[in-house]
C-alpha atoms as a PDB file:
ATOM      1  CA  MET A   1       0.000   0.000   0.000  1.00  0.00           C
ATOM      2  CA  ILE A   2       2.855   2.382   0.811  1.00  0.00           C
ATOM      3  CA  ALA A   3       4.527   1.563  -2.515  1.00  0.00           C
ATOM      4  CA  VAL A   4       1.333   2.498  -4.383  1.00  0.00           C
ATOM      5  CA  ALA A   5       1.102   5.816  -2.502  1.00  0.00           C
ATOM      6  CA  ILE A   6       4.728   6.591  -3.361  1.00  0.00           C
ATOM      7  CA  LEU A   7       4.163   5.743  -7.041  1.00  0.00           C
ATOM      8  CA  VAL A   8       1.008   7.905  -7.175  1.00  0.00           C
ATOM      9  CA  THR A   9       2.881  10.808  -5.548  1.00  0.00           C
ATOM     10  CA  ILE A  10       5.754  10.509  -8.019  1.00  0.00           C
ATOM     11  CA  PHE A  11       3.291  10.329 -10.915  1.00  0.00           C
ATOM     12  CA  VAL A  12       1.450  13.472  -9.728  1.00  0.00           C
ATOM     13  CA  ILE A  13       4.731  15.348  -9.345  1.00  0.00           C
ATOM     14  CA  LEU A  14       5.829  14.350 -12.848  1.00  0.00           C
ATOM     15  CA  VAL A  15       2.488  15.403 -14.352  1.00  0.00           C
ATOM     16  CA  VAL A  16       2.689  18.799 -12.660  1.00  0.00           C
ATOM     17  CA  VAL A  17       6.294  19.362 -13.791  1.00  0.00           C
ATOM     18  CA  VAL A  18       5.549  18.395 -17.399  1.00  0.00           C
ATOM     19  CA  THR A  19       2.232  20.237 -17.810  1.00  0.00           C
ATOM     20  CA  ARG A  20       2.915  23.524 -16.009  1.00  0.00           C
ATOM     21  CA  PRO A  21       3.187  26.595 -18.230  1.00  0.00           C
ATOM     22  CA  LYS A  22       6.738  27.395 -19.235  1.00  0.00           C
ATOM     23  CA  GLU A  23       8.104  30.877 -18.611  1.00  0.00           C
ATOM     24  CA  ARG A  24       8.841  32.549 -21.903  1.00  0.00           C
ATOM     25  CA  ILE A  25      11.875  34.755 -22.044  1.00  0.00           C
ATOM     26  CA  MET A  26      11.859  37.703 -24.421  1.00  0.00           C
ATOM     27  CA  ALA A  27      14.255  40.574 -24.976  1.00  0.00           C
ATOM     28  CA  LEU A  28      13.004  44.141 -24.626  1.00  0.00           C
ATOM     29  CA  GLU A  29      13.946  44.821 -28.249  1.00  0.00           C
ATOM     30  CA  ASP A  30      11.535  42.090 -29.408  1.00  0.00           C
ATOM     31  CA  VAL A  31       8.424  43.575 -27.765  1.00  0.00           C
ATOM     32  CA  ILE A  32       8.254  46.505 -30.203  1.00  0.00           C
ATOM     33  CA  PRO A  33      10.783  45.677 -32.945  1.00  0.00           C
ATOM     34  CA  GLU A  34      10.446  49.079 -34.651  1.00  0.00           C
ATOM     35  CA  GLY A  35      10.859  50.939 -31.353  1.00  0.00           C
ATOM     36  CA  ARG A  36      13.939  52.452 -29.749  1.00  0.00           C
ATOM     37  CA  VAL A  37      14.965  51.156 -26.323  1.00  0.00           C
ATOM     38  CA  VAL A  38      15.354  54.145 -23.994  1.00  0.00           C
ATOM     39  CA  SER A  39      16.081  52.287 -20.765  1.00  0.00           C
ATOM     40  CA  HIS A  40      16.801  48.597 -20.290  1.00  0.00           C
ATOM     41  CA  GLU A  41      16.742  49.021 -16.523  1.00  0.00           C
ATOM     42  CA  ASP A  42      13.175  50.382 -16.430  1.00  0.00           C
ATOM     43  CA  GLY A  43      11.950  48.598 -19.572  1.00  0.00           C
ATOM     44  CA  VAL A  44      11.154  51.748 -21.605  1.00  0.00           C
ATOM     45  CA  VAL A  45      10.697  51.696 -25.386  1.00  0.00           C
ATOM     46  CA  GLU A  46       9.916  54.742 -27.559  1.00  0.00           C
ATOM     47  CA  TYR A  47       7.843  54.239 -30.718  1.00  0.00           C
ATOM     48  CA  ARG A  48       6.233  57.037 -32.779  1.00  0.00           C
ATOM     49  CA  SER A  49       6.729  59.589 -29.961  1.00  0.00           C
ATOM     50  CA  VAL A  50       4.944  57.281 -27.505  1.00  0.00           C
ATOM     51  CA  TYR A  51       6.967  56.030 -24.541  1.00  0.00           C
ATOM     52  CA  PHE A  52       5.980  52.515 -23.431  1.00  0.00           C
ATOM     53  CA  ILE A  53       7.002  51.646 -19.872  1.00  0.00           C
ATOM     54  CA  LEU A  54       6.933  47.856 -19.996  1.00  0.00           C
ATOM     55  CA  GLY A  55       8.841  46.926 -16.858  1.00  0.00           C
ATOM     56  CA  ASN A  56      11.204  43.988 -16.630  1.00  0.00           C
ATOM     57  CA  HIS A  57       8.935  40.976 -16.216  1.00  0.00           C
ATOM     58  CA  ASP A  58       6.475  39.061 -18.398  1.00  0.00           C
ATOM     59  CA  LEU A  59       7.415  40.844 -21.629  1.00  0.00           C
ATOM     60  CA  TYR A  60       5.688  38.145 -23.668  1.00  0.00           C
ATOM     61  CA  LYS A  61       2.359  39.128 -22.080  1.00  0.00           C
ATOM     62  CA  ARG A  62       3.079  42.822 -22.740  1.00  0.00           C
ATOM     63  CA  LYS A  63       3.741  42.075 -26.414  1.00  0.00           C
ATOM     64  CA  LYS A  64       0.443  40.190 -26.715  1.00  0.00           C
ATOM     65  CA  LEU A  65      -1.396  43.141 -25.120  1.00  0.00           C
ATOM     66  CA  LEU A  66       0.217  45.582 -27.525  1.00  0.00           C
ATOM     67  CA  GLU A  67      -0.792  43.429 -30.487  1.00  0.00           C
ATOM     68  CA  ARG A  68      -4.419  43.698 -29.354  1.00  0.00           C
ATOM     69  CA  ILE A  69      -4.252  47.494 -28.998  1.00  0.00           C
ATOM     70  CA  SER A  70      -4.194  49.504 -32.200  1.00  0.00           C
ATOM     71  CA  TYR A  71      -1.322  51.981 -32.421  1.00  0.00           C
ATOM     72  CA  ASP A  72      -3.765  54.427 -34.056  1.00  0.00           C
ATOM     73  CA  VAL A  73      -5.687  54.646 -30.769  1.00  0.00           C
ATOM     74  CA  ILE A  74      -2.552  55.657 -28.860  1.00  0.00           C
ATOM     75  CA  GLN A  75      -1.235  58.790 -30.510  1.00  0.00           C
ATOM     76  CA  GLY A  76       1.810  60.601 -29.229  1.00  0.00           C
ATOM     77  CA  PRO A  77       3.166  62.365 -27.482  1.00  0.00           C
ATOM     78  CA  CYS A  78       2.216  60.347 -24.421  1.00  0.00           C
ATOM     79  CA  ILE A  79       3.417  57.723 -21.950  1.00  0.00           C
ATOM     80  CA  VAL A  80       1.830  54.274 -21.805  1.00  0.00           C
ATOM     81  CA  ASP A  81       2.588  52.620 -18.463  1.00  0.00           C
ATOM     82  CA  MET A  82       2.220  48.825 -18.666  1.00  0.00           C
ATOM     83  CA  ARG A  83       4.258  47.830 -15.606  1.00  0.00           C
ATOM     84  CA  PHE A  84       1.214  46.558 -13.723  1.00  0.00           C
ATOM     85  CA  ASN A  85      -0.547  43.266 -14.473  1.00  0.00           C
ATOM     86  CA  SER A  86      -4.105  44.536 -14.158  1.00  0.00           C
ATOM     87  CA  GLN A  87      -4.081  47.983 -15.785  1.00  0.00           C
ATOM     88  CA  ILE A  88      -2.646  50.144 -18.539  1.00  0.00           C
ATOM     89  CA  ILE A  89      -2.135  53.820 -17.697  1.00  0.00           C
ATOM     90  CA  ILE A  90      -1.976  56.338 -20.557  1.00  0.00           C
ATOM     91  CA  LYS A  91      -0.630  59.798 -19.729  1.00  0.00           C
ATOM     92  CA  LYS A  92      -1.393  62.179 -22.593  1.00  0.00           C
ATOM     93  CA  GLY A  93       0.643  65.248 -23.389  1.00  0.00           C
ATOM     94  CA  PRO A  94       4.266  66.089 -24.075  1.00  0.00           C
ATOM     95  CA  VAL A  95       6.889  63.966 -22.375  1.00  0.00           C
ATOM     96  CA  ASP A  96       8.816  65.987 -19.818  1.00  0.00           C
ATOM     97  CA  ASP A  97      11.974  64.904 -17.985  1.00  0.00           C
ATOM     98  CA  ARG A  98      10.585  66.209 -14.682  1.00  0.00           C
ATOM     99  CA  MET A  99       7.674  63.741 -14.733  1.00  0.00           C
ATOM    100  CA  TRP A 100       9.869  60.778 -15.654  1.00  0.00           C
ATOM    101  CA  PRO A 101       9.659  58.162 -12.862  1.00  0.00           C
ATOM    102  CA  GLY A 102      12.790  56.263 -13.863  1.00  0.00           C
ATOM    103  CA  SER A 103      16.384  56.560 -12.793  1.00  0.00           C
ATOM    104  CA  GLY A 104      17.695  58.075 -16.045  1.00  0.00           C
ATOM    105  CA  LYS A 105      16.508  60.991 -18.144  1.00  0.00           C
ATOM    106  CA  LEU A 106      14.632  60.589 -21.402  1.00  0.00           C
ATOM    107  CA  GLU A 107      16.489  61.479 -24.571  1.00  0.00           C
END
């Protein structure tokens, strides 16, 4: 009986390891290929005078979200903050160095 319990436990562990979703690794340059990377540290990409703050985690999910949003809807100059998992914040208006939350200055 103990041998069966051990085999079932090993089987369950193997099923979980094999079927769990794999973490996809993506470079910041691949999220918006036409964009210019402003800051690798903060995950900022500039594209058509729109600054996208993507953060440093789950870039694959950010790319899928951007594919669903039309670039015509988001017209620059503005900042699109996508660092959070549950919301996208769009700050309209000219981009100013004083309102930049990151460690470096925008170019």
